[in-house]
Protein backbone atom coordinates (compact mmCIF):
# COMPACT_ATOMS: atom_id res chain seq x y z
CA MET A 1 25.86 88.49 27.49
CA ASN A 2 22.31 88.61 28.82
CA LEU A 3 19.65 85.98 28.18
CA ASN A 4 16.80 87.89 26.59
CA GLN A 5 13.93 85.43 26.24
CA ILE A 6 12.92 81.78 26.42
CA THR A 7 9.64 80.67 24.82
CA ILE A 8 8.04 77.31 25.52
CA PRO A 9 4.92 75.61 24.14
CA SER A 10 1.76 74.96 26.14
CA LEU A 11 -1.46 73.13 25.36
CA ASP A 12 -3.49 75.49 27.59
CA LEU A 13 -2.24 78.95 28.55
CA THR A 14 -5.12 79.50 30.97
CA LYS A 15 -3.61 76.72 33.11
CA SER A 16 0.03 77.66 32.48
CA ILE A 17 -0.21 81.35 33.39
CA PRO A 18 -1.24 80.84 37.05
CA PHE A 19 1.47 78.19 37.48
CA TYR A 20 4.25 80.53 36.38
CA GLU A 21 2.80 83.43 38.38
CA LYS A 22 2.99 81.23 41.48
CA LEU A 23 6.67 80.69 40.68
CA GLY A 24 7.10 84.46 41.00
CA LEU A 25 7.13 85.54 37.35
CA LYS A 26 5.23 88.77 36.57
CA LEU A 27 2.72 88.56 33.71
CA ILE A 28 3.35 91.47 31.33
CA VAL A 29 1.58 90.30 28.12
CA GLU A 30 -1.59 88.22 28.02
CA SER A 31 -2.77 87.55 24.49
CA LEU A 32 -5.03 84.55 25.04
CA PRO A 33 -5.32 81.96 23.79
CA HIS A 34 -2.07 82.20 21.81
CA TYR A 35 0.67 83.91 23.80
CA SER A 36 1.78 85.20 27.20
CA ARG A 37 4.98 86.84 28.43
CA PHE A 38 6.48 87.21 31.89
CA GLU A 39 9.28 89.19 33.49
CA CYS A 40 11.61 87.23 35.70
CA PRO A 41 11.81 88.64 39.24
CA ASN A 42 15.61 89.05 39.04
CA GLY A 43 17.67 90.17 36.07
CA ASN A 44 16.39 91.16 32.65
CA SER A 45 15.21 87.84 31.24
CA ILE A 46 11.77 87.29 29.75
CA PHE A 47 9.89 83.97 29.79
CA SER A 48 7.04 83.40 27.37
CA ILE A 49 4.55 80.70 26.45
CA HIS A 50 2.89 80.07 23.12
CA GLN A 51 -0.06 77.83 22.37
CA ALA A 52 0.79 74.59 20.61
CA GLU A 53 -1.38 71.85 19.18
CA GLU A 54 0.97 69.24 20.66
CA LEU A 55 4.03 69.23 22.86
CA PRO A 56 7.50 68.32 21.58
CA LYS A 57 8.34 64.64 21.50
CA GLY A 58 11.50 63.08 22.89
CA GLU A 59 13.69 64.98 25.30
CA GLY A 60 11.59 68.13 25.05
CA ILE A 61 12.56 71.43 26.63
CA TYR A 62 14.46 71.97 29.88
CA VAL A 63 14.20 75.31 31.68
CA TYR A 64 15.73 75.73 35.11
CA PHE A 65 14.64 78.37 37.61
CA GLU A 66 16.66 78.99 40.74
CA CYS A 67 15.21 80.08 44.06
CA LYS A 68 16.43 80.30 47.65
CA ASN A 69 13.46 78.66 49.40
CA LEU A 70 12.67 75.66 47.21
CA ASP A 71 10.48 73.85 49.75
CA GLU A 72 8.36 76.98 50.28
CA GLN A 73 7.96 77.48 46.54
CA VAL A 74 6.91 73.87 45.99
CA GLU A 75 4.36 74.14 48.81
CA LYS A 76 3.02 77.37 47.34
CA ILE A 77 2.54 75.80 43.90
């Protein structure tokens, strides 16, 4: 099985897009202000963001990215 796509909400895609690009995701669809899609640097998974009026309440959404040089990535962001 291959994970195809994860989509999360955002209040402001113009702020979210640069954040995820700094994580190393490649922007492949930019349909502002409503939607953006990224390719993950490894594998075949797609990560996307859609505009929302408000974020989920409660536990929300958990998405985990794995990288080899965590400290370097945090500094870069």
